[in-house]
Amino acid sequence: MREKVLVIGAGIGGLCTALMLAPSGREIVMIERDGPLDTSDPDELFRNWKRNGVAHLRQSHAFLARLRVIMKEEHPALIDQLLANGVRELPFDIWLTEQQEEGYQPEPEDEDLTMITSRRTTLEMTMRRYVETLPNVRLQCGFRVERLLTRKGEDGILQVYGVQGMRDGVETELHADIVVDASGKGGRGIKQLIDEGAIINEESESAGILYFTRHYRLLPGQEEPDRRSNPPASGDLGYLKFGVFPGDNGNFSITLAVPEVELELRQAIVDPEIFHAITLMLPGLFPWTNANRSEPTGKVIGMGDLVSRWRDMVVDRKPAVHGYFALGDTLVRTNPLFGRGCSFAAVSAQSLRKVLDTHSKPTERAIAFHEAIKTELRPFYLNQRQQDRAAIKEARRALTPGARAKLRTRLTKSFIKDGIEIAIRSDTKLLREALRGFHMLEHPDAWLRRPRNLGGVLYYWARGKRRNAAAYRPEPGPEREAMLRSLQIDHQADINRIASEMARAA
């Protein structure tokens, strides 16, 4: 008798689970709290799709090469459908500088460094339409899960055997051999299990940043700016990070990210006029958002509550629960700066299938999945958390009069800015190696542990700024005080607040 798998949530995590498990022949039942798709038109869908369970649905999204590689290996027809709906492929060579382009020779592995990009609604709609065609997958919309169905096993470990919830106003129970929780950060399943005595370790801390996104559409007859003849369309000013996210069907979005400590700026930036004015002051964004090129298509959408969170469902090789697997934001969350969330979900779903196909006993399955997640995702989680901690300190230090970073911090910053960044903008082989980590095709630090690569970075670092001058990016934008003064925002208010906090602490 084939196993029945119940998947909570039909977002990216749930859809990836169905994509990975469907070829195994298992019966897959997906339940989703929000309603069904009402249209296949990408623009109408973006305007009207109500996804209360996915608060970040209309934030900027870019999907790393790891996600595309998995899709291409497992469901190549899905890639074709994505492209047919306007989803874009951005190949490796978009990263090349003009200097690198001159001697660029494509390598076979460059294909695996292609990322895909679109509005999240377009990607999710296409994935759902595809999943609905799979013969052993059923989707039930309008099902709100109230609680997991659990019982104690003979070994004392909780066993999850289904869910209880409401569908069309009727209380309903669904039973299954395996429950996959892809309900996202708002899911309540983990809390219930902890309340019932499951030993689940959790670590969590703020990412220290907020995101603000606005969508734009190219005007008739206009094309996207040439990336190589214009300043970089992404950058970091310390008090502000920014980026362009090419979308589907003539759309794109701009995201501005502000440290939590910058209260005045993040309160002002929700004003569409201020948001747009900022884009026009940034050399890398002006070619995209000026009135001759495009027009905004909506309001500014904020996203907060950004935390790094890691949950261990196995502690000291003892599973917290049997028959239940959490993935996606339910299990691991990071700052979405590098767009790893969707790839995290796909990698987790692929790992789950391998575990279920290899092991049959509940304890073996729980431990094997836990180890797979640690191997595949933990390095990227720690990498992002380390960067967040450094950014939080830097943002606060910038608002503290007289503050100066420690020598080690200054050396680390120089190694990154004057060594790594210059090396990958000069040496195409080093760029290729670095992007494998960025795109989650290998450990994020693996490339720099190889002697040849580290030697190359040290070479460029030792050359000094004068000899490397051609490889430096142009200044990404104005200094903080100049930007805030231009926007008529009090540039001194947060500095005074930090000083007052320090005085009280002293």
Protein backbone atom coordinates (compact mmCIF):
# COMPACT_ATOMS: atom_id res chain seq x y z
CA MET A 1 0.00 0.00 0.00
CA ARG A 2 1.49 3.35 -1.02
CA GLU A 3 2.11 5.99 1.61
CA LYS A 4 -0.20 8.96 1.91
CA VAL A 5 1.49 12.33 2.44
CA LEU A 6 -0.41 15.36 3.69
CA VAL A 7 1.26 18.69 2.85
CA ILE A 8 0.22 21.77 4.84
CA GLY A 9 0.52 24.83 2.62
CA ALA A 10 0.62 25.31 -1.16
CA GLY A 11 3.23 28.03 -1.20
CA ILE A 12 6.73 27.47 -2.57
CA GLY A 13 7.61 24.96 0.18
CA GLY A 14 4.47 22.91 -0.33
CA LEU A 15 4.72 23.02 -4.11
CA CYS A 16 8.36 21.91 -3.99
CA THR A 17 7.33 19.03 -1.74
CA ALA A 18 4.71 17.90 -4.25
CA LEU A 19 7.19 18.23 -7.12
CA MET A 20 9.79 16.11 -5.33
CA LEU A 21 7.49 13.43 -3.88
CA ALA A 22 5.10 12.96 -6.79
CA PRO A 23 7.53 10.90 -8.94
CA SER A 24 7.92 8.47 -6.01
CA GLY A 25 4.33 7.29 -6.52
CA ARG A 26 3.09 8.37 -3.10
CA GLU A 27 -0.39 9.83 -2.72
CA ILE A 28 0.04 13.56 -2.12
CA VAL A 29 -2.73 15.69 -0.64
CA MET A 30 -2.01 19.41 -0.38
CA ILE A 31 -4.14 21.64 1.81
CA GLU A 32 -4.09 25.43 1.49
CA ARG A 33 -5.87 28.01 3.65
CA ASP A 34 -6.30 30.55 0.82
CA GLY A 35 -8.62 30.21 -2.13
CA PRO A 36 -7.90 28.76 -5.57
CA LEU A 37 -6.37 30.55 -8.54
CA ASP A 38 -8.96 32.63 -10.38
CA THR A 39 -6.84 33.49 -13.42
CA SER A 40 -3.76 32.50 -15.36
CA ASP A 41 -3.03 36.06 -16.47
CA PRO A 42 0.17 37.14 -14.66
CA ASP A 43 -0.79 40.83 -14.37
CA GLU A 44 -4.33 40.20 -13.15
CA LEU A 45 -3.01 37.61 -10.71
CA PHE A 46 -0.45 40.04 -9.29
CA ARG A 47 -3.13 42.67 -8.75
CA ASN A 48 -5.83 40.50 -7.23
CA TRP A 49 -4.51 37.24 -5.76
CA LYS A 50 -5.28 37.19 -2.03
CA ARG A 51 -2.64 35.17 -0.21
CA ASN A 52 -3.15 35.93 3.47
CA GLY A 53 -0.83 33.05 4.29
CA VAL A 54 2.09 34.59 2.34
CA ALA A 55 2.61 38.13 3.64
CA HIS A 56 5.71 38.64 1.47
CA LEU A 57 4.00 37.55 -1.77
CA ARG A 58 4.56 40.93 -3.44
CA GLN A 59 8.05 41.55 -2.15
CA SER A 60 10.91 41.32 -4.63
CA HIS A 61 12.00 37.80 -5.50
CA ALA A 62 14.91 36.27 -7.38
CA PHE A 63 15.39 32.52 -7.49
CA LEU A 64 18.88 31.13 -7.17
CA ALA A 65 20.50 28.76 -9.63
CA ARG A 66 20.13 25.87 -7.13
CA LEU A 67 16.34 26.08 -7.46
CA ARG A 68 16.54 26.12 -11.26
CA VAL A 69 18.98 23.18 -11.29
CA ILE A 70 16.58 21.13 -9.16
CA MET A 71 13.62 22.01 -11.37
CA LYS A 72 15.56 21.21 -14.53
CA GLU A 73 16.70 17.84 -13.18
CA GLU A 74 13.34 16.80 -11.78
CA HIS A 75 10.73 18.56 -13.97
CA PRO A 76 12.20 20.08 -17.14
CA ALA A 77 8.69 20.68 -18.52
CA LEU A 78 8.08 23.08 -15.65
CA ILE A 79 10.99 25.25 -16.81
CA ASP A 80 9.37 25.48 -20.24
CA GLN A 81 6.06 26.55 -18.70
CA LEU A 82 7.76 29.16 -16.53
CA LEU A 83 9.43 30.69 -19.57
CA ALA A 84 6.15 30.63 -21.48
CA ASN A 85 4.56 32.71 -18.70
CA GLY A 86 7.29 35.34 -18.87
CA VAL A 87 9.65 34.12 -16.16
CA ARG A 88 13.19 35.17 -17.03
CA GLU A 89 16.49 33.29 -17.05
CA LEU A 90 19.52 35.39 -16.12
CA PRO A 91 22.70 33.62 -17.25
CA PHE A 92 26.15 33.67 -15.69
CA ASP A 93 27.53 36.30 -18.05
CA ILE A 94 25.28 39.06 -16.66
CA TRP A 95 27.73 39.23 -13.76
CA LEU A 96 30.72 39.98 -15.98
CA THR A 97 32.33 43.42 -16.01
CA GLU A 98 33.29 45.01 -19.32
CA GLN A 99 36.90 44.09 -18.55
CA GLN A 100 35.95 40.43 -18.04
CA GLU A 101 33.74 40.31 -21.12
CA GLU A 102 36.70 40.92 -23.45
CA GLY A 103 38.32 37.55 -22.78
CA TYR A 104 35.30 35.55 -21.64
CA GLN A 105 35.17 31.94 -22.80
CA PRO A 106 31.98 30.11 -21.77
CA GLU A 107 32.44 26.92 -19.77
CA PRO A 108 29.92 24.04 -19.60
CA GLU A 109 29.34 24.63 -15.87
CA ASP A 110 28.18 28.21 -16.57
CA GLU A 111 24.78 26.78 -17.48
CA ASP A 112 24.28 25.73 -13.86
CA LEU A 113 24.85 29.31 -12.72
CA THR A 114 21.70 30.57 -14.44
CA MET A 115 19.09 32.02 -12.11
CA ILE A 116 15.43 32.69 -12.75
CA THR A 117 13.50 35.81 -11.86
CA SER A 118 9.90 36.98 -11.93
CA ARG A 119 7.20 38.27 -9.70
CA ARG A 120 6.55 35.65 -7.03
CA THR A 121 2.89 35.41 -8.07
CA THR A 122 3.87 34.35 -11.60
CA LEU A 123 6.30 31.69 -10.39
CA GLU A 124 3.88 30.30 -7.81
CA MET A 125 0.94 30.27 -10.21
CA THR A 126 2.94 28.38 -12.84
CA MET A 127 4.22 25.87 -10.30
CA ARG A 128 0.71 25.28 -8.96
CA ARG A 129 -0.81 24.80 -12.41
CA TYR A 130 1.93 22.27 -13.17
CA VAL A 131 1.54 20.43 -9.85
CA GLU A 132 -2.21 20.15 -10.40
CA THR A 133 -1.52 18.10 -13.54
CA LEU A 134 0.47 15.44 -11.65
CA PRO A 135 -1.69 12.30 -11.41
CA ASN A 136 -1.09 11.45 -7.74
CA VAL A 137 -1.41 15.00 -6.35
CA ARG A 138 -4.64 16.59 -5.06
CA LEU A 139 -5.00 20.19 -3.87
CA GLN A 140 -7.72 21.28 -1.44
CA CYS A 141 -8.02 25.06 -1.09
CA GLY A 142 -9.89 26.85 1.67
CA PHE A 143 -8.71 24.38 4.35
CA ARG A 144 -7.56 26.13 7.51
CA VAL A 145 -5.54 23.84 9.78
CA GLU A 146 -6.44 24.26 13.45
CA ARG A 147 -4.24 21.59 14.97
CA LEU A 148 -2.13 18.54 14.27
CA LEU A 149 -3.56 15.15 15.21
CA THR A 150 -1.09 13.46 17.56
CA ARG A 151 -0.76 10.42 19.79
CA LYS A 152 1.99 8.96 21.93
CA GLY A 153 3.82 6.00 20.47
CA GLU A 154 4.99 2.98 22.45
CA ASP A 155 8.44 4.57 22.71
CA GLY A 156 6.93 7.72 24.22
CA ILE A 157 7.61 9.84 21.13
CA LEU A 158 4.75 11.88 19.69
CA GLN A 159 3.38 10.64 16.40
CA VAL A 160 1.57 12.96 13.99
CA TYR A 161 -1.08 11.17 11.96
CA GLY A 162 -3.06 14.01 10.39
CA VAL A 163 -4.65 17.41 10.86
CA GLN A 164 -7.90 18.87 12.09
CA GLY A 165 -9.28 22.04 10.58
CA MET A 166 -12.11 23.91 8.94
CA ARG A 167 -13.12 23.67 5.31
CA ASP A 168 -16.20 25.48 3.99
CA GLY A 169 -17.31 26.02 7.58
CA VAL A 170 -17.20 22.32 8.39
CA GLU A 171 -14.78 20.80 10.91
CA THR A 172 -12.74 18.19 9.07
CA GLU A 173 -10.06 15.65 9.88
CA LEU A 174 -7.54 14.35 7.37
CA HIS A 175 -5.31 11.39 8.18
CA ALA A 176 -2.00 10.48 6.57
CA ASP A 177 1.13 8.38 7.03
CA ILE A 178 3.34 11.48 6.77
CA VAL A 179 2.57 15.14 7.45
CA VAL A 180 4.81 17.77 5.84
CA ASP A 181 4.47 21.21 7.42
CA ALA A 182 5.16 23.94 4.87
CA SER A 183 2.82 26.44 6.50
CA GLY A 184 5.51 29.11 6.76
CA LYS A 185 6.49 31.42 9.57
CA GLY A 186 2.87 31.80 10.69
CA GLY A 187 2.28 28.07 11.14
CA ARG A 188 1.30 26.86 14.61
CA GLY A 189 2.28 23.22 14.36
CA ILE A 190 5.71 23.51 16.00
CA LYS A 191 4.30 25.43 18.98
CA GLN A 192 1.63 22.76 19.46
CA LEU A 193 4.23 20.00 19.45
CA ILE A 194 6.36 21.85 22.02
CA ASP A 195 3.27 22.41 24.20
CA GLU A 196 2.63 18.65 24.04
CA GLY A 197 6.12 17.89 25.29
CA ALA A 198 8.19 17.48 22.13
CA ILE A 199 11.84 18.43 22.65
CA ILE A 200 12.61 20.88 19.85
CA ASN A 201 15.65 23.15 20.04
CA GLU A 202 15.23 26.63 18.62
CA GLU A 203 17.57 29.59 18.16
CA SER A 204 16.34 32.93 16.93
CA GLU A 205 17.59 36.50 16.58
CA SER A 206 16.69 39.62 14.64
CA ALA A 207 18.26 40.20 11.24
CA GLY A 208 18.30 43.90 12.11
CA ILE A 209 16.84 45.16 8.85
CA LEU A 210 13.54 46.03 7.15
CA TYR A 211 12.64 45.79 3.46
CA PHE A 212 10.55 48.17 1.38
CA THR A 213 9.52 47.26 -2.17
CA ARG A 214 7.77 49.06 -4.98
CA HIS A 215 6.88 47.61 -8.38
CA TYR A 216 7.37 49.36 -11.71
CA ARG A 217 6.47 48.68 -15.34
CA LEU A 218 8.49 49.63 -18.40
CA LEU A 219 6.75 52.17 -20.61
CA PRO A 220 5.66 51.09 -24.11
CA GLY A 221 8.65 50.75 -26.39
CA GLN A 222 11.15 50.86 -23.53
CA GLU A 223 13.61 48.12 -22.64
CA GLU A 224 15.59 47.45 -19.48
CA PRO A 225 18.77 49.55 -19.15
CA ASP A 226 22.00 47.99 -20.36
CA ARG A 227 23.55 46.56 -17.21
CA ARG A 228 27.11 47.03 -18.42
CA SER A 229 26.91 50.64 -19.58
CA ASN A 230 25.19 51.87 -16.41
CA PRO A 231 26.24 51.89 -12.74
CA PRO A 232 25.45 48.67 -10.80
CA ALA A 233 21.75 48.30 -10.05
CA SER A 234 22.44 47.04 -6.53
CA GLY A 235 24.58 48.40 -3.76
CA ASP A 236 25.14 49.02 -0.08
CA LEU A 237 25.46 52.51 1.38
CA GLY A 238 25.56 51.26 4.98
CA TYR A 239 22.43 53.17 5.96
CA LEU A 240 20.63 51.79 2.90
CA LYS A 241 20.86 48.72 0.67
CA PHE A 242 19.17 48.71 -2.71
CA GLY A 243 18.53 46.40 -5.64
CA VAL A 244 16.61 45.98 -8.88
CA PHE A 245 14.71 42.74 -9.44
CA PRO A 246 13.78 42.15 -13.10
CA GLY A 247 10.33 40.62 -13.30
CA ASP A 248 8.14 39.04 -15.92
CA ASN A 249 6.22 40.65 -18.77
CA GLY A 250 7.84 44.09 -18.62
CA ASN A 251 7.68 44.46 -14.85
CA PHE A 252 10.43 44.94 -12.29
CA SER A 253 10.67 45.88 -8.64
CA ILE A 254 12.96 48.00 -6.50
CA THR A 255 13.76 47.01 -2.94
CA LEU A 256 15.29 49.39 -0.43
CA ALA A 257 16.52 47.82 2.81
CA VAL A 258 17.01 49.96 5.92
CA PRO A 259 18.69 48.96 9.19
CA GLU A 260 16.28 48.83 12.13
CA VAL A 261 18.35 51.49 13.91
CA GLU A 262 17.57 54.05 11.17
CA LEU A 263 14.15 54.98 12.58
CA GLU A 264 13.69 58.29 10.76
CA LEU A 265 14.52 56.88 7.34
CA ARG A 266 12.43 53.75 7.65
CA GLN A 267 9.41 55.74 8.79
CA ALA A 268 9.72 58.13 5.86
CA ILE A 269 10.45 55.59 3.15
CA VAL A 270 6.90 54.19 3.11
CA ASP A 271 5.85 57.45 1.42
CA PRO A 272 5.75 56.61 -2.33
CA GLU A 273 7.15 60.04 -3.25
CA ILE A 274 10.11 59.68 -0.88
CA PHE A 275 10.73 56.11 -2.04
CA HIS A 276 10.76 57.22 -5.67
CA ALA A 277 12.94 60.23 -4.91
CA ILE A 278 15.52 57.93 -3.33
CA THR A 279 15.65 55.79 -6.47
CA LEU A 280 16.35 58.87 -8.57
CA MET A 281 19.28 59.83 -6.31
CA LEU A 282 20.97 56.45 -6.73
CA PRO A 283 22.99 56.25 -9.99
CA GLY A 284 22.27 52.53 -10.35
CA LEU A 285 18.49 52.96 -10.03
CA PHE A 286 17.94 56.19 -11.96
CA PRO A 287 18.24 54.45 -15.38
CA TRP A 288 15.39 52.15 -14.32
CA THR A 289 12.92 54.45 -12.55
CA ASN A 290 13.20 57.78 -14.38
CA ALA A 291 10.00 59.00 -16.02
CA ASN A 292 11.24 58.27 -19.54
CA ARG A 293 11.82 54.59 -18.77
CA SER A 294 9.08 53.32 -16.46
CA GLU A 295 6.22 54.10 -14.13
CA PRO A 296 5.39 52.83 -10.64
CA THR A 297 2.45 50.43 -10.48
CA GLY A 298 1.64 50.36 -6.79
CA LYS A 299 2.34 51.48 -3.26
CA VAL A 300 5.41 50.84 -1.13
CA ILE A 301 5.19 47.44 0.53
CA GLY A 302 7.06 46.98 3.79
CA MET A 303 8.34 43.75 5.31
CA GLY A 304 9.52 43.45 8.90
CA ASP A 305 9.77 40.74 11.54
CA LEU A 306 12.90 39.46 9.80
CA VAL A 307 14.66 36.94 11.98
CA SER A 308 17.20 34.19 11.67
CA ARG A 309 15.64 31.05 13.13
CA TRP A 310 16.86 27.49 13.23
CA ARG A 311 14.89 24.56 14.65
CA ASP A 312 16.30 21.13 15.49
CA MET A 313 13.66 18.41 15.30
CA VAL A 314 16.20 15.85 16.53
CA VAL A 315 18.12 16.41 19.78
CA ASP A 316 20.88 14.04 20.88
CA ARG A 317 19.79 11.69 18.08
CA LYS A 318 16.30 11.45 19.56
CA PRO A 319 13.47 12.64 17.29
CA ALA A 320 10.99 15.10 18.75
CA VAL A 321 8.20 13.54 16.71
CA HIS A 322 7.47 10.77 14.22
CA GLY A 323 5.62 11.11 10.92
CA TYR A 324 6.07 14.89 10.78
CA PHE A 325 8.57 16.89 8.72
CA ALA A 326 8.80 20.67 8.75
CA LEU A 327 10.50 22.56 5.92
CA GLY A 328 10.75 26.02 4.44
CA ASP A 329 10.20 28.96 6.81
CA THR A 330 8.52 26.58 9.26
CA LEU A 331 11.91 25.04 9.98
CA VAL A 332 14.58 27.57 8.96
CA ARG A 333 14.42 31.32 8.32
CA THR A 334 17.11 33.79 7.35
CA ASN A 335 17.40 37.35 6.21
CA PRO A 336 16.09 37.19 2.58
CA LEU A 337 18.94 39.39 1.35
CA PHE A 338 20.34 36.71 -0.99
CA GLY A 339 17.02 35.11 -1.96
CA ARG A 340 17.80 31.75 -0.39
CA GLY A 341 14.37 30.98 1.07
CA CYS A 342 12.84 29.32 -1.99
CA SER A 343 16.01 27.32 -2.63
CA PHE A 344 16.01 26.24 1.03
CA ALA A 345 12.50 24.84 0.50
CA ALA A 346 13.42 23.03 -2.73
CA VAL A 347 16.59 21.51 -1.25
CA SER A 348 14.67 20.38 1.84
CA ALA A 349 11.93 18.78 -0.25
CA GLN A 350 14.46 16.95 -2.41
CA SER A 351 16.27 15.75 0.72
CA LEU A 352 12.98 14.53 2.18
CA ARG A 353 12.25 12.37 -0.85
CA LYS A 354 15.71 10.79 -0.67
CA VAL A 355 15.20 10.09 3.03
CA LEU A 356 11.74 8.57 2.58
CA ASP A 357 12.93 6.41 -0.32
CA THR A 358 15.99 5.20 1.60
CA HIS A 359 14.55 4.60 5.07
CA SER A 360 11.31 3.04 6.27
CA LYS A 361 11.52 3.31 10.06
CA PRO A 362 10.24 6.58 11.62
CA THR A 363 13.30 7.18 13.81
CA GLU A 364 15.72 6.53 10.96
CA ARG A 365 13.77 8.90 8.75
CA ALA A 366 13.71 11.68 11.33
CA ILE A 367 17.44 11.45 12.02
CA ALA A 368 18.40 11.19 8.34
CA PHE A 369 16.31 14.24 7.41
CA HIS A 370 17.75 16.22 10.32
CA GLU A 371 21.31 15.40 9.22
CA ALA A 372 20.54 16.25 5.60
CA ILE A 373 19.17 19.66 6.58
CA LYS A 374 22.20 20.38 8.74
CA THR A 375 24.56 19.48 5.90
CA GLU A 376 22.69 21.33 3.15
CA LEU A 377 21.37 24.44 4.90
CA ARG A 378 23.24 25.11 8.14
CA PRO A 379 26.33 26.64 6.44
CA PHE A 380 24.17 29.18 4.60
CA TYR A 381 22.16 29.97 7.71
CA LEU A 382 25.34 30.65 9.71
CA ASN A 383 26.87 32.62 6.84
CA GLN A 384 23.87 34.97 6.66
CA ARG A 385 23.60 35.29 10.43
CA GLN A 386 27.26 36.32 10.66
CA GLN A 387 26.74 38.99 7.99
CA ASP A 388 23.61 40.26 9.76
CA ARG A 389 25.46 40.61 13.05
CA ALA A 390 28.25 42.56 11.38
CA ALA A 391 25.76 44.82 9.58
CA ILE A 392 23.86 45.56 12.79
CA LYS A 393 27.08 46.64 14.51
CA GLU A 394 28.15 48.73 11.52
CA ALA A 395 24.78 50.52 11.28
CA ARG A 396 24.80 51.39 14.97
CA ARG A 397 28.44 52.44 14.87
CA ALA A 398 27.69 54.82 11.98
CA LEU A 399 25.22 56.65 14.22
CA THR A 400 27.58 56.80 17.20
CA PRO A 401 29.75 59.95 17.24
CA GLY A 402 33.43 59.12 17.58
CA ALA A 403 32.91 55.37 17.22
CA ARG A 404 35.65 53.47 15.41
CA ALA A 405 35.71 49.84 14.38
CA LYS A 406 38.33 47.54 15.84
CA LEU A 407 41.40 46.75 13.76
CA ARG A 408 40.20 43.20 13.06
CA THR A 409 36.87 44.52 11.81
CA ARG A 410 38.61 47.05 9.54
CA LEU A 411 40.90 44.38 8.13
CA THR A 412 37.99 42.04 7.47
CA LYS A 413 36.09 44.80 5.69
CA SER A 414 39.14 45.63 3.59
CA PHE A 415 39.68 41.97 2.71
CA ILE A 416 36.11 41.80 1.43
CA LYS A 417 35.92 45.19 -0.30
CA ASP A 418 39.49 45.48 -1.60
CA GLY A 419 40.26 41.78 -1.95
CA ILE A 420 37.29 39.51 -2.67
CA GLU A 421 35.12 42.01 -4.52
CA ILE A 422 37.99 43.24 -6.67
CA ALA A 423 39.18 39.70 -7.41
CA ILE A 424 35.81 38.47 -8.65
CA ARG A 425 35.35 41.63 -10.73
CA SER A 426 38.73 41.04 -12.36
CA ASP A 427 39.17 37.26 -12.69
CA THR A 428 36.32 35.39 -14.39
CA LYS A 429 37.44 32.06 -12.93
CA LEU A 430 37.24 33.47 -9.42
CA LEU A 431 33.81 34.92 -10.17
CA ARG A 432 32.63 31.54 -11.38
CA GLU A 433 33.96 29.85 -8.23
CA ALA A 434 32.41 32.44 -5.89
CA LEU A 435 29.01 32.21 -7.55
CA ARG A 436 28.83 28.48 -6.93
CA GLY A 437 28.66 29.27 -3.23
CA PHE A 438 26.31 32.21 -3.71
CA HIS A 439 23.89 30.02 -5.68
CA MET A 440 24.01 27.21 -3.08
CA LEU A 441 25.68 24.75 -5.44
CA GLU A 442 28.32 24.13 -2.78
CA HIS A 443 29.29 25.29 0.73
CA PRO A 444 29.35 29.14 0.75
CA ASP A 445 32.99 29.22 1.89
CA ALA A 446 34.27 26.28 -0.17
CA TRP A 447 35.62 28.40 -3.01
CA LEU A 448 37.78 30.53 -0.71
CA ARG A 449 39.24 27.46 1.01
CA ARG A 450 40.87 26.35 -2.23
CA PRO A 451 44.50 27.52 -2.24
CA ARG A 452 44.39 28.81 -5.81
CA ASN A 453 41.33 30.95 -5.14
CA LEU A 454 42.58 32.32 -1.83
CA GLY A 455 45.90 33.09 -3.49
CA GLY A 456 44.10 34.98 -6.24
CA VAL A 457 42.16 37.09 -3.75
CA LEU A 458 45.31 37.85 -1.74
CA TYR A 459 47.07 38.85 -4.96
CA TYR A 460 44.46 41.46 -5.81
CA TRP A 461 44.28 42.66 -2.20
CA ALA A 462 48.05 43.14 -2.10
CA ARG A 463 48.07 45.09 -5.39
CA GLY A 464 46.42 48.03 -3.66
CA LYS A 465 43.66 50.41 -4.64
CA ARG A 466 45.65 52.35 -7.21
CA ARG A 467 46.53 49.34 -9.38
CA ASN A 468 43.02 47.91 -8.94
CA ALA A 469 41.28 51.21 -9.68
CA ALA A 470 39.55 49.99 -12.84
CA ALA A 471 37.83 47.15 -10.98
CA TYR A 472 36.14 49.27 -8.31
CA ARG A 473 32.47 49.98 -8.65
CA PRO A 474 31.48 53.65 -8.91
CA GLU A 475 30.13 55.23 -5.74
CA PRO A 476 26.64 53.73 -5.26
CA GLY A 477 25.05 56.90 -3.92
CA PRO A 478 25.26 59.91 -1.61
CA GLU A 479 26.44 59.92 1.98
CA ARG A 480 23.79 59.53 4.65
CA GLU A 481 23.62 63.18 5.68
CA ALA A 482 23.33 64.40 2.09
CA MET A 483 20.60 61.88 1.29
CA LEU A 484 18.49 62.67 4.38
CA ARG A 485 18.90 66.43 3.98
CA SER A 486 17.73 66.18 0.38
CA LEU A 487 14.68 64.23 1.52
CA GLN A 488 14.05 66.74 4.33
CA ILE A 489 14.51 64.03 6.96
CA ASP A 490 16.19 64.94 10.24
CA HIS A 491 19.62 63.38 9.80
CA GLN A 492 20.60 64.10 13.41
CA ALA A 493 17.60 62.56 15.21
CA ASP A 494 18.83 58.96 15.27
CA ILE A 495 22.35 60.07 16.20
CA ASN A 496 20.93 61.95 19.19
CA ARG A 497 18.79 58.97 20.14
CA ILE A 498 21.77 56.60 20.14
CA ALA A 499 23.78 59.08 22.21
CA SER A 500 20.94 59.31 24.75
CA GLU A 501 20.70 55.51 24.97
CA MET A 502 24.43 55.25 25.60
CA ALA A 503 24.28 57.96 28.27
CA ARG A 504 21.46 56.18 30.09
CA ALA A 505 23.33 52.87 29.89
CA ALA A 506 26.43 54.48 31.35
